[in-house]
């Protein structure tokens, strides 16, 4: 029972963490867009693919979803194959 509760709490925490840093970025940390600005143009915030901002943005998103990729199969054993977990992560990362 305690293992299931721990997995559930980790799953919820990872989702809250992802939502916090993707939907409500804090400009004081040097990441994301400034407060009050809405970006409706896909990939605009990524910038030049060879710039350090691009690498930090894409790398940060990948690092943000790694814990979710480990916790998801623990919470939902039917979703345990790497392609399925990857698709769920891609779906979650692109709300459009």
C-alpha atoms as a PDB file:
ATOM      1  CA  UNK A   1       0.000   0.000   0.000  1.00  0.00           C
ATOM      2  CA  UNK A   2       2.760   2.462   0.885  1.00  0.00           C
ATOM      3  CA  UNK A   3       4.605   1.734  -2.372  1.00  0.00           C
ATOM      4  CA  UNK A   4       1.473   2.558  -4.401  1.00  0.00           C
ATOM      5  CA  UNK A   5       0.972   5.758  -2.431  1.00  0.00           C
ATOM      6  CA  UNK A   6       4.597   6.791  -2.972  1.00  0.00           C
ATOM      7  CA  UNK A   7       4.301   6.135  -6.724  1.00  0.00           C
ATOM      8  CA  UNK A   8       1.061   8.132  -6.845  1.00  0.00           C
ATOM      9  CA  UNK A   9       2.635  11.050  -4.976  1.00  0.00           C
ATOM     10  CA  UNK A  10       5.704  11.005  -7.242  1.00  0.00           C
ATOM     11  CA  UNK A  11       3.446  10.898 -10.308  1.00  0.00           C
ATOM     12  CA  UNK A  12       1.386  13.871  -9.105  1.00  0.00           C
ATOM     13  CA  UNK A  13       4.533  15.777  -8.109  1.00  0.00           C
ATOM     14  CA  UNK A  14       6.097  15.218 -11.547  1.00  0.00           C
ATOM     15  CA  UNK A  15       2.941  16.485 -13.274  1.00  0.00           C
ATOM     16  CA  UNK A  16       2.768  19.559 -11.023  1.00  0.00           C
ATOM     17  CA  UNK A  17       6.472  20.197 -11.631  1.00  0.00           C
ATOM     18  CA  UNK A  18       6.010  19.969 -15.417  1.00  0.00           C
ATOM     19  CA  UNK A  19       2.949  22.236 -15.370  1.00  0.00           C
ATOM     20  CA  UNK A  20       4.701  24.740 -13.096  1.00  0.00           C
ATOM     21  CA  UNK A  21       7.736  25.172 -15.331  1.00  0.00           C
ATOM     22  CA  UNK A  22       5.964  24.961 -18.693  1.00  0.00           C
ATOM     23  CA  UNK A  23       2.748  26.876 -18.089  1.00  0.00           C
ATOM     24  CA  UNK A  24       3.984  29.374 -15.483  1.00  0.00           C
ATOM     25  CA  UNK A  25       7.646  30.111 -16.270  1.00  0.00           C
ATOM     26  CA  UNK A  26       9.477  32.423 -13.906  1.00  0.00           C
ATOM     27  CA  UNK A  27      11.468  35.015 -15.810  1.00  0.00           C
ATOM     28  CA  UNK A  28      13.610  35.739 -12.729  1.00  0.00           C
ATOM     29  CA  UNK A  29      15.240  32.330 -13.195  1.00  0.00           C
ATOM     30  CA  UNK A  30      16.294  33.280 -16.697  1.00  0.00           C
ATOM     31  CA  UNK A  31      13.999  30.720 -18.307  1.00  0.00           C
ATOM     32  CA  UNK A  32      10.784  31.081 -20.240  1.00  0.00           C
ATOM     33  CA  UNK A  33       9.060  34.195 -21.469  1.00  0.00           C
ATOM     34  CA  UNK A  34       8.541  37.334 -19.445  1.00  0.00           C
ATOM     35  CA  UNK A  35       5.454  37.661 -17.292  1.00  0.00           C
ATOM     36  CA  UNK A  36       2.350  38.805 -19.122  1.00  0.00           C
ATOM     37  CA  UNK A  37       3.650  37.808 -22.552  1.00  0.00           C
ATOM     38  CA  UNK A  38       1.831  35.117 -24.512  1.00  0.00           C
ATOM     39  CA  UNK A  39       3.615  33.358 -27.359  1.00  0.00           C
ATOM     40  CA  UNK A  40       1.198  32.002 -29.978  1.00  0.00           C
ATOM     41  CA  UNK A  41       3.837  31.403 -32.649  1.00  0.00           C
ATOM     42  CA  UNK A  42       5.150  27.802 -32.549  1.00  0.00           C
ATOM     43  CA  UNK A  43       8.908  27.488 -31.963  1.00  0.00           C
ATOM     44  CA  UNK A  44       9.350  31.301 -31.673  1.00  0.00           C
ATOM     45  CA  UNK A  45      10.808  31.037 -28.181  1.00  0.00           C
ATOM     46  CA  UNK A  46      13.375  28.463 -29.313  1.00  0.00           C
ATOM     47  CA  UNK A  47      15.250  30.961 -31.470  1.00  0.00           C
ATOM     48  CA  UNK A  48      18.254  30.043 -33.589  1.00  0.00           C
ATOM     49  CA  UNK A  49      18.961  26.257 -33.500  1.00  0.00           C
ATOM     50  CA  UNK A  50      22.680  26.839 -32.942  1.00  0.00           C
ATOM     51  CA  UNK A  51      22.261  29.378 -30.147  1.00  0.00           C
ATOM     52  CA  UNK A  52      22.750  28.552 -26.490  1.00  0.00           C
ATOM     53  CA  UNK A  53      19.127  29.583 -25.751  1.00  0.00           C
ATOM     54  CA  UNK A  54      17.879  26.844 -28.087  1.00  0.00           C
ATOM     55  CA  UNK A  55      20.076  24.211 -26.427  1.00  0.00           C
ATOM     56  CA  UNK A  56      19.034  25.294 -22.933  1.00  0.00           C
ATOM     57  CA  UNK A  57      15.335  25.352 -23.883  1.00  0.00           C
ATOM     58  CA  UNK A  58      15.246  21.950 -25.609  1.00  0.00           C
ATOM     59  CA  UNK A  59      17.637  20.334 -23.129  1.00  0.00           C
ATOM     60  CA  UNK A  60      15.666  21.712 -20.203  1.00  0.00           C
ATOM     61  CA  UNK A  61      12.422  20.319 -21.597  1.00  0.00           C
ATOM     62  CA  UNK A  62      13.989  16.899 -22.061  1.00  0.00           C
ATOM     63  CA  UNK A  63      15.373  16.928 -18.511  1.00  0.00           C
ATOM     64  CA  UNK A  64      11.995  18.078 -17.202  1.00  0.00           C
ATOM     65  CA  UNK A  65      10.248  15.030 -18.674  1.00  0.00           C
ATOM     66  CA  UNK A  66      12.803  12.342 -17.724  1.00  0.00           C
ATOM     67  CA  UNK A  67      11.353  11.703 -14.224  1.00  0.00           C
ATOM     68  CA  UNK A  68       7.862  11.497 -15.732  1.00  0.00           C
ATOM     69  CA  UNK A  69       9.103   8.843 -18.162  1.00  0.00           C
ATOM     70  CA  UNK A  70      10.268   6.667 -15.276  1.00  0.00           C
ATOM     71  CA  UNK A  71       7.250   7.234 -13.037  1.00  0.00           C
ATOM     72  CA  UNK A  72       4.557   6.752 -15.720  1.00  0.00           C
ATOM     73  CA  UNK A  73       5.170   2.986 -16.193  1.00  0.00           C
ATOM     74  CA  UNK A  74       5.278   2.498 -12.429  1.00  0.00           C
ATOM     75  CA  UNK A  75       1.905   4.185 -12.051  1.00  0.00           C
ATOM     76  CA  UNK A  76       0.350   2.601 -15.164  1.00  0.00           C
ATOM     77  CA  UNK A  77       1.997  -0.776 -15.873  1.00  0.00           C
ATOM     78  CA  UNK A  78       0.178  -1.136 -19.219  1.00  0.00           C
ATOM     79  CA  UNK A  79       2.182   1.864 -20.433  1.00  0.00           C
ATOM     80  CA  UNK A  80       5.611   0.313 -20.049  1.00  0.00           C
ATOM     81  CA  UNK A  81       7.023   0.234 -23.579  1.00  0.00           C
ATOM     82  CA  UNK A  82       9.489   2.978 -24.479  1.00  0.00           C
ATOM     83  CA  UNK A  83       7.648   4.097 -27.647  1.00  0.00           C
ATOM     84  CA  UNK A  84       4.370   4.417 -25.733  1.00  0.00           C
ATOM     85  CA  UNK A  85       5.965   6.352 -22.875  1.00  0.00           C
ATOM     86  CA  UNK A  86       7.688   8.614 -25.411  1.00  0.00           C
ATOM     87  CA  UNK A  87       4.406   9.291 -27.221  1.00  0.00           C
ATOM     88  CA  UNK A  88       2.668  10.163 -23.941  1.00  0.00           C
ATOM     89  CA  UNK A  89       5.521  12.551 -23.091  1.00  0.00           C
ATOM     90  CA  UNK A  90       5.338  14.197 -26.518  1.00  0.00           C
ATOM     91  CA  UNK A  91       1.552  14.472 -26.239  1.00  0.00           C
ATOM     92  CA  UNK A  92       1.831  16.002 -22.776  1.00  0.00           C
ATOM     93  CA  UNK A  93       4.528  18.447 -23.839  1.00  0.00           C
ATOM     94  CA  UNK A  94       2.466  19.836 -26.746  1.00  0.00           C
ATOM     95  CA  UNK A  95      -0.938  20.992 -25.469  1.00  0.00           C
ATOM     96  CA  UNK A  96      -1.989  22.235 -28.918  1.00  0.00           C
END
